Amino acid sequence: MLTVSIACDHCARDLLADNPAGYRIELVPERAPPRLTLPRLVHSPPPVERVHHFCNLACLGKWAAEHART
């Protein structure tokens, strides 16, 4: 049997089983469509490498503060 779980990337709370509010915040590295027809000359890595999930804005803020230092 396959078990799916999504945990908060800050506090590790299970957002599927232990989430009375019934929502989560998802931070997704998504490339914006180019506004110019010219190719980009500078390749910059995304600000985050993968999708992150958070309980609420407080967890997102704490996670961002910790990762801003690195």
N, C-alpha and C. Protein backbone atom coordinates (compact mmCIF):
# COMPACT_ATOMS: atom_id res chain seq x y z
N MET A 1 0.84 -1.18 0.00
CA MET A 1 0.00 0.00 0.00
C MET A 1 0.89 1.24 0.00
N LEU A 2 0.54 2.20 -0.81
CA LEU A 2 1.29 3.44 -0.93
C LEU A 2 0.75 4.47 0.04
N THR A 3 1.64 5.03 0.84
CA THR A 3 1.26 6.07 1.79
C THR A 3 1.86 7.39 1.34
N VAL A 4 1.03 8.40 1.23
CA VAL A 4 1.49 9.72 0.81
C VAL A 4 1.49 10.64 2.02
N SER A 5 2.58 11.38 2.18
CA SER A 5 2.63 12.38 3.24
C SER A 5 3.36 13.61 2.71
N ILE A 6 2.95 14.75 3.19
CA ILE A 6 3.61 16.01 2.87
C ILE A 6 3.90 16.68 4.19
N ALA A 7 5.18 16.96 4.43
CA ALA A 7 5.59 17.56 5.70
C ALA A 7 6.01 19.00 5.49
N CYS A 8 5.79 19.82 6.50
CA CYS A 8 6.25 21.20 6.49
C CYS A 8 7.77 21.20 6.46
N ASP A 9 8.36 21.99 5.57
CA ASP A 9 9.81 22.03 5.46
C ASP A 9 10.48 22.78 6.60
N HIS A 10 9.70 23.43 7.45
CA HIS A 10 10.29 24.08 8.62
C HIS A 10 10.10 23.24 9.88
N CYS A 11 8.86 22.90 10.21
CA CYS A 11 8.61 22.23 11.49
C CYS A 11 8.35 20.72 11.35
N ALA A 12 8.31 20.21 10.12
CA ALA A 12 8.13 18.78 9.82
C ALA A 12 6.75 18.24 10.17
N ARG A 13 5.78 19.11 10.43
CA ARG A 13 4.42 18.66 10.72
C ARG A 13 3.80 18.03 9.47
N ASP A 14 3.09 16.93 9.64
CA ASP A 14 2.43 16.26 8.53
C ASP A 14 1.24 17.11 8.08
N LEU A 15 1.31 17.64 6.87
CA LEU A 15 0.29 18.57 6.40
C LEU A 15 -0.94 17.87 5.84
N LEU A 16 -0.91 16.56 5.69
CA LEU A 16 -2.09 15.82 5.24
C LEU A 16 -2.87 15.27 6.43
N ALA A 17 -2.16 14.73 7.42
CA ALA A 17 -2.83 14.09 8.56
C ALA A 17 -3.11 15.07 9.70
N ASP A 18 -2.17 15.98 9.96
CA ASP A 18 -2.26 16.87 11.12
C ASP A 18 -2.43 18.32 10.67
N ASN A 19 -3.50 18.60 9.95
CA ASN A 19 -3.70 19.94 9.41
C ASN A 19 -5.17 20.33 9.54
N PRO A 20 -5.59 20.84 10.71
CA PRO A 20 -7.00 21.17 10.91
C PRO A 20 -7.50 22.29 9.99
N ALA A 21 -6.63 23.18 9.55
CA ALA A 21 -7.05 24.27 8.68
C ALA A 21 -7.35 23.77 7.27
N GLY A 22 -6.72 22.66 6.87
CA GLY A 22 -6.99 22.07 5.57
C GLY A 22 -6.30 22.74 4.40
N TYR A 23 -5.25 23.51 4.63
CA TYR A 23 -4.52 24.12 3.54
C TYR A 23 -3.03 24.08 3.84
N ARG A 24 -2.24 24.36 2.82
CA ARG A 24 -0.79 24.47 2.98
C ARG A 24 -0.27 25.52 2.02
N ILE A 25 0.92 26.01 2.29
CA ILE A 25 1.58 26.96 1.39
C ILE A 25 2.65 26.19 0.64
N GLU A 26 2.71 26.41 -0.67
CA GLU A 26 3.67 25.71 -1.51
C GLU A 26 4.57 26.74 -2.19
N LEU A 27 5.88 26.57 -2.04
CA LEU A 27 6.87 27.43 -2.68
C LEU A 27 7.45 26.65 -3.85
N VAL A 28 7.25 27.16 -5.06
CA VAL A 28 7.60 26.41 -6.28
C VAL A 28 8.61 27.21 -7.10
N PRO A 29 9.73 26.59 -7.49
CA PRO A 29 10.64 27.27 -8.40
C PRO A 29 10.08 27.17 -9.82
N GLU A 30 9.57 28.26 -10.32
CA GLU A 30 8.94 28.27 -11.63
C GLU A 30 9.54 29.39 -12.47
N ARG A 31 10.02 29.03 -13.64
CA ARG A 31 10.63 30.04 -14.51
C ARG A 31 9.54 30.90 -15.14
N ALA A 32 9.72 32.21 -15.04
CA ALA A 32 8.78 33.14 -15.64
C ALA A 32 8.99 33.15 -17.15
N PRO A 33 7.93 33.33 -17.91
CA PRO A 33 8.10 33.40 -19.36
C PRO A 33 8.91 34.64 -19.74
N PRO A 34 9.74 34.54 -20.75
CA PRO A 34 10.56 35.70 -21.13
C PRO A 34 9.70 36.83 -21.67
N ARG A 35 10.09 38.05 -21.33
CA ARG A 35 9.38 39.23 -21.81
C ARG A 35 9.99 39.75 -23.11
N LEU A 36 11.20 39.33 -23.39
CA LEU A 36 11.89 39.76 -24.61
C LEU A 36 12.01 38.58 -25.57
N THR A 37 12.15 38.87 -26.82
CA THR A 37 12.33 37.79 -27.80
C THR A 37 13.78 37.36 -27.91
N LEU A 38 14.69 38.11 -27.31
CA LEU A 38 16.10 37.75 -27.33
C LEU A 38 16.39 36.67 -26.30
N PRO A 39 17.32 35.78 -26.59
CA PRO A 39 17.67 34.77 -25.58
C PRO A 39 18.39 35.41 -24.39
N ARG A 40 18.22 34.82 -23.25
CA ARG A 40 18.90 35.35 -22.05
C ARG A 40 20.39 35.00 -22.11
N LEU A 41 21.21 35.96 -21.78
CA LEU A 41 22.65 35.75 -21.82
C LEU A 41 23.18 35.24 -20.49
N VAL A 42 22.44 35.46 -19.43
CA VAL A 42 22.89 35.05 -18.11
C VAL A 42 21.99 33.93 -17.62
N HIS A 43 22.61 32.84 -17.23
CA HIS A 43 21.84 31.75 -16.64
C HIS A 43 21.94 31.87 -15.13
N SER A 44 20.82 32.02 -14.48
CA SER A 44 20.83 32.09 -13.02
C SER A 44 20.04 30.91 -12.47
N PRO A 45 20.56 30.27 -11.45
CA PRO A 45 19.84 29.14 -10.86
C PRO A 45 18.57 29.62 -10.16
N PRO A 46 17.60 28.75 -10.02
CA PRO A 46 16.38 29.16 -9.31
C PRO A 46 16.68 29.45 -7.85
N PRO A 47 15.89 30.30 -7.20
CA PRO A 47 16.14 30.65 -5.80
C PRO A 47 15.96 29.45 -4.86
N VAL A 48 15.14 28.50 -5.25
CA VAL A 48 15.01 27.25 -4.51
C VAL A 48 15.11 26.11 -5.52
N GLU A 49 15.63 24.97 -5.10
CA GLU A 49 15.89 23.88 -6.03
C GLU A 49 14.71 22.93 -6.21
N ARG A 50 13.76 22.95 -5.29
CA ARG A 50 12.64 22.01 -5.36
C ARG A 50 11.41 22.66 -4.74
N VAL A 51 10.30 21.97 -4.82
CA VAL A 51 9.06 22.45 -4.21
C VAL A 51 9.18 22.30 -2.69
N HIS A 52 8.77 23.32 -1.96
CA HIS A 52 8.75 23.29 -0.50
C HIS A 52 7.32 23.51 -0.02
N HIS A 53 6.98 22.91 1.12
CA HIS A 53 5.64 23.03 1.70
C HIS A 53 5.74 23.59 3.12
N PHE A 54 4.75 24.41 3.50
CA PHE A 54 4.75 25.03 4.81
C PHE A 54 3.34 25.04 5.40
N CYS A 55 3.28 25.00 6.74
CA CYS A 55 2.00 25.04 7.47
C CYS A 55 1.29 26.38 7.28
N ASN A 56 2.08 27.45 7.41
CA ASN A 56 1.51 28.79 7.43
C ASN A 56 2.62 29.80 7.11
N LEU A 57 2.27 31.07 7.13
CA LEU A 57 3.25 32.11 6.83
C LEU A 57 4.36 32.19 7.87
N ALA A 58 4.04 31.85 9.11
CA ALA A 58 5.07 31.88 10.17
C ALA A 58 6.17 30.86 9.86
N CYS A 59 5.78 29.65 9.49
CA CYS A 59 6.79 28.62 9.16
C CYS A 59 7.57 29.02 7.90
N LEU A 60 6.89 29.56 6.91
CA LEU A 60 7.57 30.03 5.70
C LEU A 60 8.57 31.12 6.05
N GLY A 61 8.19 32.07 6.88
CA GLY A 61 9.08 33.16 7.28
C GLY A 61 10.29 32.68 8.04
N LYS A 62 10.09 31.74 8.97
CA LYS A 62 11.21 31.19 9.74
C LYS A 62 12.16 30.42 8.83
N TRP A 63 11.60 29.62 7.92
CA TRP A 63 12.42 28.85 6.98
C TRP A 63 13.22 29.81 6.09
N ALA A 64 12.57 30.87 5.59
CA ALA A 64 13.25 31.83 4.73
C ALA A 64 14.37 32.55 5.47
N ALA A 65 14.14 32.91 6.73
CA ALA A 65 15.17 33.59 7.52
C ALA A 65 16.38 32.68 7.72
N GLU A 66 16.14 31.40 7.97
CA GLU A 66 17.25 30.46 8.14
C GLU A 66 18.03 30.27 6.84
N HIS A 67 17.33 30.21 5.71
CA HIS A 67 18.00 29.95 4.44
C HIS A 67 18.56 31.20 3.78
N ALA A 68 18.21 32.36 4.26
CA ALA A 68 18.78 33.60 3.75
C ALA A 68 20.22 33.76 4.19
N ARG A 69 20.56 33.13 5.30
CA ARG A 69 21.92 33.22 5.85
C ARG A 69 22.91 32.38 5.07
N THR A 70 22.41 31.37 4.33
CA THR A 70 23.33 30.45 3.66
C THR A 70 23.62 30.89 2.25
